[in-house]
Amino acid sequence: MKNRDHFKFSTGVILYPILFVLAIWFVFWFEVRFGFNFSKYGVYPQNLKGLRGVIFSPFIHGDIEHIYHNTIPLFVLSMALFYFYKPIAWKVILFGILFSGFFTWCIGRPSYHIGASGLIYVLVSFTFFKGVFAKHYRLIALSLLIIFLYGSMLWYAAPVKEGISWEGHLSGLVTGLLFALFFRRNIAKPRKYVWEQENYNEEDDPFLQHFDEDGNFIERIEKEEEPPIINYTYKENNDN
């Protein structure tokens, strides 16, 4: 894709994040309203039955504080993903859920791991590293903004607090980094100016032709074209 196909706002930039956030809130409301507890559908490491949590766990949250802390980052980061990385946004989200959940299943403690925080860490990691690797000024600016807003989240990718699935966070960070390395196509490339092209020749540059070898400006006066000379030939009328 060309650069003009990137960084275009569409309804999906806001609609898809809203739908995803509404989905996790609907599941939480359903649990509270009808007295269900879906925690058993979370990721349970090293257990075949626990693999179902790879798909279900991002939609399950333990309490109102848990879902509240995940809602805003999930909405902001997914919205940035659909705006800046629209061609691969769905791949990052869907495969991010699967890979981060599977890694959690591989390295996690024997407990139920629930919540969308694993996907959030995927988005943080992918957005940061992809902006750095792409070397596009807009994407680099986005990476710096992500670090400013969510840089403190890195602490929770280590076992620093009881009751937090640091394994899920770490799995999300690793998954995001792998995606930043893998998804190299369909990403906006930094604009190359004329002098950055491989076939650029200084002698053919009309701007540099206004300067001599010492860098002095040479005023070039365009020679005006002489008006064409029209010759008329008269013939005598011999009809009379």
C-alpha atoms as a PDB file:
ATOM      1  CA  MET A   1       0.000   0.000   0.000  1.00  0.00           C
ATOM      2  CA  LYS A   2       1.075   3.530  -0.644  1.00  0.00           C
ATOM      3  CA  ASN A   3       1.412   6.178   2.045  1.00  0.00           C
ATOM      4  CA  ARG A   4      -1.782   7.891   0.966  1.00  0.00           C
ATOM      5  CA  ASP A   5      -3.709   4.769   2.027  1.00  0.00           C
ATOM      6  CA  HIS A   6      -2.480   5.120   5.607  1.00  0.00           C
ATOM      7  CA  PHE A   7      -3.503   7.391   8.466  1.00  0.00           C
ATOM      8  CA  LYS A   8      -7.058   7.857   7.223  1.00  0.00           C
ATOM      9  CA  PHE A   9      -9.889   8.178   9.696  1.00  0.00           C
ATOM     10  CA  SER A  10     -12.896   5.901   9.267  1.00  0.00           C
ATOM     11  CA  THR A  11     -15.859   4.888  11.388  1.00  0.00           C
ATOM     12  CA  GLY A  12     -14.112   1.612  12.211  1.00  0.00           C
ATOM     13  CA  VAL A  13     -11.385   3.473  14.093  1.00  0.00           C
ATOM     14  CA  ILE A  14     -13.924   4.232  16.835  1.00  0.00           C
ATOM     15  CA  LEU A  15     -16.638   1.645  16.160  1.00  0.00           C
ATOM     16  CA  TYR A  16     -14.526  -1.513  16.550  1.00  0.00           C
ATOM     17  CA  PRO A  17     -12.927  -0.470  19.883  1.00  0.00           C
ATOM     18  CA  ILE A  18     -16.349   0.533  21.212  1.00  0.00           C
ATOM     19  CA  LEU A  19     -17.845  -2.834  20.236  1.00  0.00           C
ATOM     20  CA  PHE A  20     -14.986  -4.706  21.873  1.00  0.00           C
ATOM     21  CA  VAL A  21     -15.292  -2.712  25.088  1.00  0.00           C
ATOM     22  CA  LEU A  22     -19.066  -3.202  25.110  1.00  0.00           C
ATOM     23  CA  ALA A  23     -18.555  -6.943  24.683  1.00  0.00           C
ATOM     24  CA  ILE A  24     -16.419  -7.287  27.811  1.00  0.00           C
ATOM     25  CA  TRP A  25     -18.795  -5.075  29.785  1.00  0.00           C
ATOM     26  CA  PHE A  26     -21.770  -7.128  28.623  1.00  0.00           C
ATOM     27  CA  VAL A  27     -20.098 -10.327  29.860  1.00  0.00           C
ATOM     28  CA  PHE A  28     -19.374  -8.679  33.209  1.00  0.00           C
ATOM     29  CA  TRP A  29     -22.955  -7.388  33.477  1.00  0.00           C
ATOM     30  CA  PHE A  30     -24.309 -10.848  32.639  1.00  0.00           C
ATOM     31  CA  GLU A  31     -22.219 -12.372  35.436  1.00  0.00           C
ATOM     32  CA  VAL A  32     -23.398  -9.837  38.000  1.00  0.00           C
ATOM     33  CA  ARG A  33     -27.022  -9.791  36.883  1.00  0.00           C
ATOM     34  CA  PHE A  34     -27.569 -13.560  36.807  1.00  0.00           C
ATOM     35  CA  GLY A  35     -25.030 -14.629  39.425  1.00  0.00           C
ATOM     36  CA  PHE A  36     -22.590 -16.457  37.182  1.00  0.00           C
ATOM     37  CA  ASN A  37     -18.851 -16.749  37.633  1.00  0.00           C
ATOM     38  CA  PHE A  38     -16.967 -17.272  34.382  1.00  0.00           C
ATOM     39  CA  SER A  39     -13.511 -17.322  35.962  1.00  0.00           C
ATOM     40  CA  LYS A  40     -13.306 -21.065  35.367  1.00  0.00           C
ATOM     41  CA  TYR A  41     -13.242 -20.290  31.645  1.00  0.00           C
ATOM     42  CA  GLY A  42      -9.962 -18.420  32.008  1.00  0.00           C
ATOM     43  CA  VAL A  43      -6.528 -19.719  31.065  1.00  0.00           C
ATOM     44  CA  TYR A  44      -5.404 -22.519  33.385  1.00  0.00           C
ATOM     45  CA  PRO A  45      -1.753 -23.316  32.562  1.00  0.00           C
ATOM     46  CA  GLN A  46      -0.565 -26.812  31.706  1.00  0.00           C
ATOM     47  CA  ASN A  47      -4.118 -28.138  31.607  1.00  0.00           C
ATOM     48  CA  LEU A  48      -5.839 -29.136  28.362  1.00  0.00           C
ATOM     49  CA  LYS A  49      -9.184 -27.860  29.591  1.00  0.00           C
ATOM     50  CA  GLY A  50      -7.522 -24.606  30.516  1.00  0.00           C
ATOM     51  CA  LEU A  51      -6.704 -23.958  26.854  1.00  0.00           C
ATOM     52  CA  ARG A  52     -10.246 -22.706  26.290  1.00  0.00           C
ATOM     53  CA  GLY A  53      -9.262 -19.637  28.268  1.00  0.00           C
ATOM     54  CA  VAL A  54      -6.971 -18.613  25.399  1.00  0.00           C
ATOM     55  CA  ILE A  55     -10.125 -17.444  23.613  1.00  0.00           C
ATOM     56  CA  PHE A  56     -12.458 -16.631  26.505  1.00  0.00           C
ATOM     57  CA  SER A  57     -10.178 -14.999  29.086  1.00  0.00           C
ATOM     58  CA  PRO A  58      -9.979 -11.493  27.483  1.00  0.00           C
ATOM     59  CA  PHE A  59     -13.743 -11.144  28.004  1.00  0.00           C
ATOM     60  CA  ILE A  60     -13.737 -12.217  31.662  1.00  0.00           C
ATOM     61  CA  HIS A  61     -12.926  -9.932  34.598  1.00  0.00           C
ATOM     62  CA  GLY A  62     -12.929 -10.497  38.314  1.00  0.00           C
ATOM     63  CA  ASP A  63     -14.528  -7.301  39.602  1.00  0.00           C
ATOM     64  CA  ILE A  64     -15.496  -3.747  38.653  1.00  0.00           C
ATOM     65  CA  GLU A  65     -12.017  -2.389  39.405  1.00  0.00           C
ATOM     66  CA  HIS A  66     -10.420  -4.999  37.180  1.00  0.00           C
ATOM     67  CA  ILE A  67     -12.609  -4.257  34.176  1.00  0.00           C
ATOM     68  CA  TYR A  68     -12.408  -0.493  34.734  1.00  0.00           C
ATOM     69  CA  HIS A  69      -8.606  -0.452  34.667  1.00  0.00           C
ATOM     70  CA  ASN A  70      -8.614  -2.446  31.415  1.00  0.00           C
ATOM     71  CA  THR A  71     -11.335  -0.492  29.615  1.00  0.00           C
ATOM     72  CA  ILE A  72      -9.601   2.831  28.928  1.00  0.00           C
ATOM     73  CA  PRO A  73      -6.211   1.420  27.796  1.00  0.00           C
ATOM     74  CA  LEU A  74      -7.965  -1.142  25.619  1.00  0.00           C
ATOM     75  CA  PHE A  75     -10.100   1.517  23.949  1.00  0.00           C
ATOM     76  CA  VAL A  76      -7.249   3.999  23.402  1.00  0.00           C
ATOM     77  CA  LEU A  77      -4.713   1.456  22.153  1.00  0.00           C
ATOM     78  CA  SER A  78      -7.099  -0.382  19.833  1.00  0.00           C
ATOM     79  CA  MET A  79      -8.268   2.927  18.394  1.00  0.00           C
ATOM     80  CA  ALA A  80      -4.642   3.890  17.688  1.00  0.00           C
ATOM     81  CA  LEU A  81      -4.095   0.467  16.143  1.00  0.00           C
ATOM     82  CA  PHE A  82      -7.023   0.818  13.724  1.00  0.00           C
ATOM     83  CA  TYR A  83      -5.916   4.315  12.716  1.00  0.00           C
ATOM     84  CA  PHE A  84      -2.168   3.862  12.288  1.00  0.00           C
ATOM     85  CA  TYR A  85      -2.027   0.155  11.393  1.00  0.00           C
ATOM     86  CA  LYS A  86      -5.384  -0.450   9.729  1.00  0.00           C
ATOM     87  CA  PRO A  87      -4.173  -3.091   7.188  1.00  0.00           C
ATOM     88  CA  ILE A  88      -3.061  -5.457   9.973  1.00  0.00           C
ATOM     89  CA  ALA A  89      -5.193  -4.309  12.917  1.00  0.00           C
ATOM     90  CA  TRP A  90      -7.448  -7.369  13.035  1.00  0.00           C
ATOM     91  CA  LYS A  91      -4.492  -9.732  12.672  1.00  0.00           C
ATOM     92  CA  VAL A  92      -2.726  -8.094  15.597  1.00  0.00           C
ATOM     93  CA  ILE A  93      -5.821  -8.331  17.799  1.00  0.00           C
ATOM     94  CA  LEU A  94      -6.922 -11.876  16.912  1.00  0.00           C
ATOM     95  CA  PHE A  95      -3.482 -13.438  16.819  1.00  0.00           C
ATOM     96  CA  GLY A  96      -2.477 -11.334  19.805  1.00  0.00           C
ATOM     97  CA  ILE A  97      -5.252 -12.926  21.866  1.00  0.00           C
ATOM     98  CA  LEU A  98      -4.269 -16.413  20.741  1.00  0.00           C
ATOM     99  CA  PHE A  99      -0.508 -16.121  21.116  1.00  0.00           C
ATOM    100  CA  SER A 100      -0.451 -14.200  24.401  1.00  0.00           C
ATOM    101  CA  GLY A 101      -3.019 -16.608  25.840  1.00  0.00           C
ATOM    102  CA  PHE A 102      -1.056 -19.629  24.707  1.00  0.00           C
ATOM    103  CA  PHE A 103       2.210 -18.268  26.124  1.00  0.00           C
ATOM    104  CA  THR A 104       0.395 -17.635  29.401  1.00  0.00           C
ATOM    105  CA  TRP A 105      -0.809 -21.231  29.353  1.00  0.00           C
ATOM    106  CA  CYS A 106       2.802 -22.361  28.874  1.00  0.00           C
ATOM    107  CA  ILE A 107       4.510 -20.308  31.609  1.00  0.00           C
ATOM    108  CA  GLY A 108       1.718 -19.397  34.027  1.00  0.00           C
ATOM    109  CA  ARG A 109       1.133 -20.521  37.588  1.00  0.00           C
ATOM    110  CA  PRO A 110      -1.560 -23.141  38.259  1.00  0.00           C
ATOM    111  CA  SER A 111      -4.385 -20.622  38.596  1.00  0.00           C
ATOM    112  CA  TYR A 112      -7.089 -19.072  36.431  1.00  0.00           C
ATOM    113  CA  HIS A 113      -5.734 -16.149  34.396  1.00  0.00           C
ATOM    114  CA  ILE A 114      -8.466 -13.784  33.206  1.00  0.00           C
ATOM    115  CA  GLY A 115      -8.802 -10.278  31.790  1.00  0.00           C
ATOM    116  CA  ALA A 116      -7.932  -8.291  28.679  1.00  0.00           C
ATOM    117  CA  SER A 117      -4.630  -7.098  30.116  1.00  0.00           C
ATOM    118  CA  GLY A 118      -2.698  -9.637  28.044  1.00  0.00           C
ATOM    119  CA  LEU A 119      -4.077  -8.091  24.861  1.00  0.00           C
ATOM    120  CA  ILE A 120      -3.390  -4.609  26.210  1.00  0.00           C
ATOM    121  CA  TYR A 121       0.266  -5.511  26.696  1.00  0.00           C
ATOM    122  CA  VAL A 122       0.335  -6.891  23.148  1.00  0.00           C
ATOM    123  CA  LEU A 123      -0.890  -3.529  21.842  1.00  0.00           C
ATOM    124  CA  VAL A 124       1.536  -1.520  23.987  1.00  0.00           C
ATOM    125  CA  SER A 125       4.502  -3.629  22.922  1.00  0.00           C
ATOM    126  CA  PHE A 126       3.551  -3.805  19.254  1.00  0.00           C
ATOM    127  CA  THR A 127       2.793  -0.079  18.936  1.00  0.00           C
ATOM    128  CA  PHE A 128       6.043   0.931  20.609  1.00  0.00           C
ATOM    129  CA  PHE A 129       8.419  -1.421  18.808  1.00  0.00           C
ATOM    130  CA  LYS A 130       6.732  -1.112  15.420  1.00  0.00           C
ATOM    131  CA  GLY A 131       7.052   2.669  15.516  1.00  0.00           C
ATOM    132  CA  VAL A 132      10.750   2.366  16.301  1.00  0.00           C
ATOM    133  CA  PHE A 133      11.388  -0.237  13.603  1.00  0.00           C
ATOM    134  CA  ALA A 134       9.367   1.561  10.911  1.00  0.00           C
ATOM    135  CA  LYS A 135      11.355   4.814  11.359  1.00  0.00           C
ATOM    136  CA  HIS A 136       8.328   6.856  10.311  1.00  0.00           C
ATOM    137  CA  TYR A 137       8.091  10.145  12.176  1.00  0.00           C
ATOM    138  CA  ARG A 138       4.384   9.738  12.944  1.00  0.00           C
ATOM    139  CA  LEU A 139       4.806   6.208  14.203  1.00  0.00           C
ATOM    140  CA  ILE A 140       7.816   7.181  16.304  1.00  0.00           C
ATOM    141  CA  ALA A 141       5.766   9.975  17.848  1.00  0.00           C
ATOM    142  CA  LEU A 142       3.050   7.426  18.645  1.00  0.00           C
ATOM    143  CA  SER A 143       5.648   5.153  20.262  1.00  0.00           C
ATOM    144  CA  LEU A 144       6.846   7.967  22.507  1.00  0.00           C
ATOM    145  CA  LEU A 145       3.264   8.787  23.458  1.00  0.00           C
ATOM    146  CA  ILE A 146       2.602   5.148  24.352  1.00  0.00           C
ATOM    147  CA  ILE A 147       5.661   5.055  26.601  1.00  0.00           C
ATOM    148  CA  PHE A 148       4.577   8.306  28.259  1.00  0.00           C
ATOM    149  CA  LEU A 149       1.068   7.011  28.952  1.00  0.00           C
ATOM    150  CA  TYR A 150       1.681   3.351  29.691  1.00  0.00           C
ATOM    151  CA  GLY A 151       5.397   2.975  30.357  1.00  0.00           C
ATOM    152  CA  SER A 152       4.752   2.226  34.030  1.00  0.00           C
ATOM    153  CA  MET A 153       2.909  -0.936  32.993  1.00  0.00           C
ATOM    154  CA  LEU A 154       6.265  -2.621  32.406  1.00  0.00           C
ATOM    155  CA  TRP A 155       6.642  -3.114  36.151  1.00  0.00           C
ATOM    156  CA  TYR A 156       3.652  -5.450  36.159  1.00  0.00           C
ATOM    157  CA  ALA A 157       5.307  -7.797  33.685  1.00  0.00           C
ATOM    158  CA  ALA A 158       7.281  -9.029  36.702  1.00  0.00           C
ATOM    159  CA  PRO A 159       5.995 -10.670  39.912  1.00  0.00           C
ATOM    160  CA  VAL A 160       5.765  -7.443  41.938  1.00  0.00           C
ATOM    161  CA  LYS A 161       2.186  -7.716  43.209  1.00  0.00           C
ATOM    162  CA  GLU A 162       0.025 -10.551  44.447  1.00  0.00           C
ATOM    163  CA  GLY A 163      -3.099 -11.409  42.514  1.00  0.00           C
ATOM    164  CA  ILE A 164      -1.857 -10.034  39.172  1.00  0.00           C
ATOM    165  CA  SER A 165      -1.113 -12.317  36.251  1.00  0.00           C
ATOM    166  CA  TRP A 166       2.362 -11.050  35.480  1.00  0.00           C
ATOM    167  CA  GLU A 167       2.753 -14.107  33.228  1.00  0.00           C
ATOM    168  CA  GLY A 168      -0.077 -12.824  31.027  1.00  0.00           C
ATOM    169  CA  HIS A 169       1.495  -9.373  30.919  1.00  0.00           C
ATOM    170  CA  LEU A 170       4.906 -10.767  30.022  1.00  0.00           C
ATOM    171  CA  SER A 171       3.355 -12.978  27.352  1.00  0.00           C
ATOM    172  CA  GLY A 172       1.656  -9.932  25.872  1.00  0.00           C
ATOM    173  CA  LEU A 173       4.906  -7.967  25.746  1.00  0.00           C
ATOM    174  CA  VAL A 174       6.751 -10.807  24.018  1.00  0.00           C
ATOM    175  CA  THR A 175       3.902 -11.333  21.552  1.00  0.00           C
ATOM    176  CA  GLY A 176       3.786  -7.639  20.644  1.00  0.00           C
ATOM    177  CA  LEU A 177       7.533  -7.587  20.024  1.00  0.00           C
ATOM    178  CA  LEU A 178       7.313 -10.655  17.787  1.00  0.00           C
ATOM    179  CA  PHE A 179       4.466  -9.090  15.813  1.00  0.00           C
ATOM    180  CA  ALA A 180       6.467  -5.880  15.346  1.00  0.00           C
ATOM    181  CA  LEU A 181       9.229  -7.968  13.790  1.00  0.00           C
ATOM    182  CA  PHE A 182       6.917 -10.175  11.735  1.00  0.00           C
ATOM    183  CA  PHE A 183       4.418  -7.706  10.243  1.00  0.00           C
ATOM    184  CA  ARG A 184       6.689  -5.783   7.905  1.00  0.00           C
ATOM    185  CA  ARG A 185       4.380  -5.338   4.941  1.00  0.00           C
ATOM    186  CA  ASN A 186       1.518  -2.884   4.532  1.00  0.00           C
ATOM    187  CA  ILE A 187       3.165  -0.423   6.899  1.00  0.00           C
ATOM    188  CA  ALA A 188       3.581   3.223   5.950  1.00  0.00           C
ATOM    189  CA  LYS A 189       7.111   3.991   4.833  1.00  0.00           C
ATOM    190  CA  PRO A 190       8.879   7.266   5.552  1.00  0.00           C
ATOM    191  CA  ARG A 191       8.750   9.629   2.604  1.00  0.00           C
ATOM    192  CA  LYS A 192      11.867   9.711   0.476  1.00  0.00           C
ATOM    193  CA  TYR A 193      12.841  13.017  -1.063  1.00  0.00           C
ATOM    194  CA  VAL A 194      14.389  13.383  -4.501  1.00  0.00           C
ATOM    195  CA  TRP A 195      17.947  13.483  -3.194  1.00  0.00           C
ATOM    196  CA  GLU A 196      17.366  10.235  -1.268  1.00  0.00           C
ATOM    197  CA  GLN A 197      16.545   8.244  -4.381  1.00  0.00           C
ATOM    198  CA  GLU A 198      19.123   5.743  -5.649  1.00  0.00           C
ATOM    199  CA  ASN A 199      19.182   7.194  -9.173  1.00  0.00           C
ATOM    200  CA  TYR A 200      19.592  10.791  -7.958  1.00  0.00           C
ATOM    201  CA  ASN A 201      22.120  12.882  -9.887  1.00  0.00           C
ATOM    202  CA  GLU A 202      23.148  16.298  -8.582  1.00  0.00           C
ATOM    203  CA  GLU A 203      23.943  17.595 -12.052  1.00  0.00           C
ATOM    204  CA  ASP A 204      20.335  17.069 -13.140  1.00  0.00           C
ATOM    205  CA  ASP A 205      18.861  18.810 -10.111  1.00  0.00           C
ATOM    206  CA  PRO A 206      17.329  22.114 -11.338  1.00  0.00           C
ATOM    207  CA  PHE A 207      17.724  23.673  -7.891  1.00  0.00           C
ATOM    208  CA  LEU A 208      21.433  22.878  -7.525  1.00  0.00           C
ATOM    209  CA  GLN A 209      22.058  24.251 -10.988  1.00  0.00           C
ATOM    210  CA  HIS A 210      21.567  27.708  -9.491  1.00  0.00           C
ATOM    211  CA  PHE A 211      24.817  27.330  -7.508  1.00  0.00           C
ATOM    212  CA  ASP A 212      28.430  27.196  -8.615  1.00  0.00           C
ATOM    213  CA  GLU A 213      31.149  24.902  -7.266  1.00  0.00           C
ATOM    214  CA  ASP A 214      31.805  27.269  -4.343  1.00  0.00           C
ATOM    215  CA  GLY A 215      28.162  27.378  -3.347  1.00  0.00           C
ATOM    216  CA  ASN A 216      27.525  30.863  -4.711  1.00  0.00           C
ATOM    217  CA  PHE A 217      24.087  31.553  -6.066  1.00  0.00           C
ATOM    218  CA  ILE A 218      23.890  32.072  -9.812  1.00  0.00           C
ATOM    219  CA  GLU A 219      20.941  33.965 -11.131  1.00  0.00           C
ATOM    220  CA  ARG A 220      19.666  32.389 -14.270  1.00  0.00           C
ATOM    221  CA  ILE A 221      17.576  34.556 -16.554  1.00  0.00           C
ATOM    222  CA  GLU A 222      15.367  32.591 -18.773  1.00  0.00           C
ATOM    223  CA  LYS A 223      15.769  33.684 -22.382  1.00  0.00           C
ATOM    224  CA  GLU A 224      12.509  34.911 -23.781  1.00  0.00           C
ATOM    225  CA  GLU A 225      11.436  33.332 -26.991  1.00  0.00           C
ATOM    226  CA  GLU A 226      11.317  35.682 -29.962  1.00  0.00           C
ATOM    227  CA  PRO A 227       7.888  36.064 -31.489  1.00  0.00           C
ATOM    228  CA  PRO A 228       7.491  34.216 -34.752  1.00  0.00           C
ATOM    229  CA  ILE A 229       7.950  36.223 -37.969  1.00  0.00           C
ATOM    230  CA  ILE A 230       4.998  36.024 -40.271  1.00  0.00           C
ATOM    231  CA  ASN A 231       5.511  36.758 -43.982  1.00  0.00           C
ATOM    232  CA  TYR A 232       2.568  37.659 -46.180  1.00  0.00           C
ATOM    233  CA  THR A 233       2.557  37.012 -49.920  1.00  0.00           C
ATOM    234  CA  TYR A 234       0.176  39.035 -52.117  1.00  0.00           C
ATOM    235  CA  LYS A 235      -1.019  37.793 -55.491  1.00  0.00           C
ATOM    236  CA  GLU A 236      -2.559  40.006 -58.095  1.00  0.00           C
ATOM    237  CA  ASN A 237      -6.149  39.298 -59.093  1.00  0.00           C
ATOM    238  CA  ASN A 238      -6.135  38.742 -62.886  1.00  0.00           C
ATOM    239  CA  ASP A 239      -9.846  37.934 -63.205  1.00  0.00           C
ATOM    240  CA  ASN A 240     -10.698  41.463 -64.493  1.00  0.00           C
END
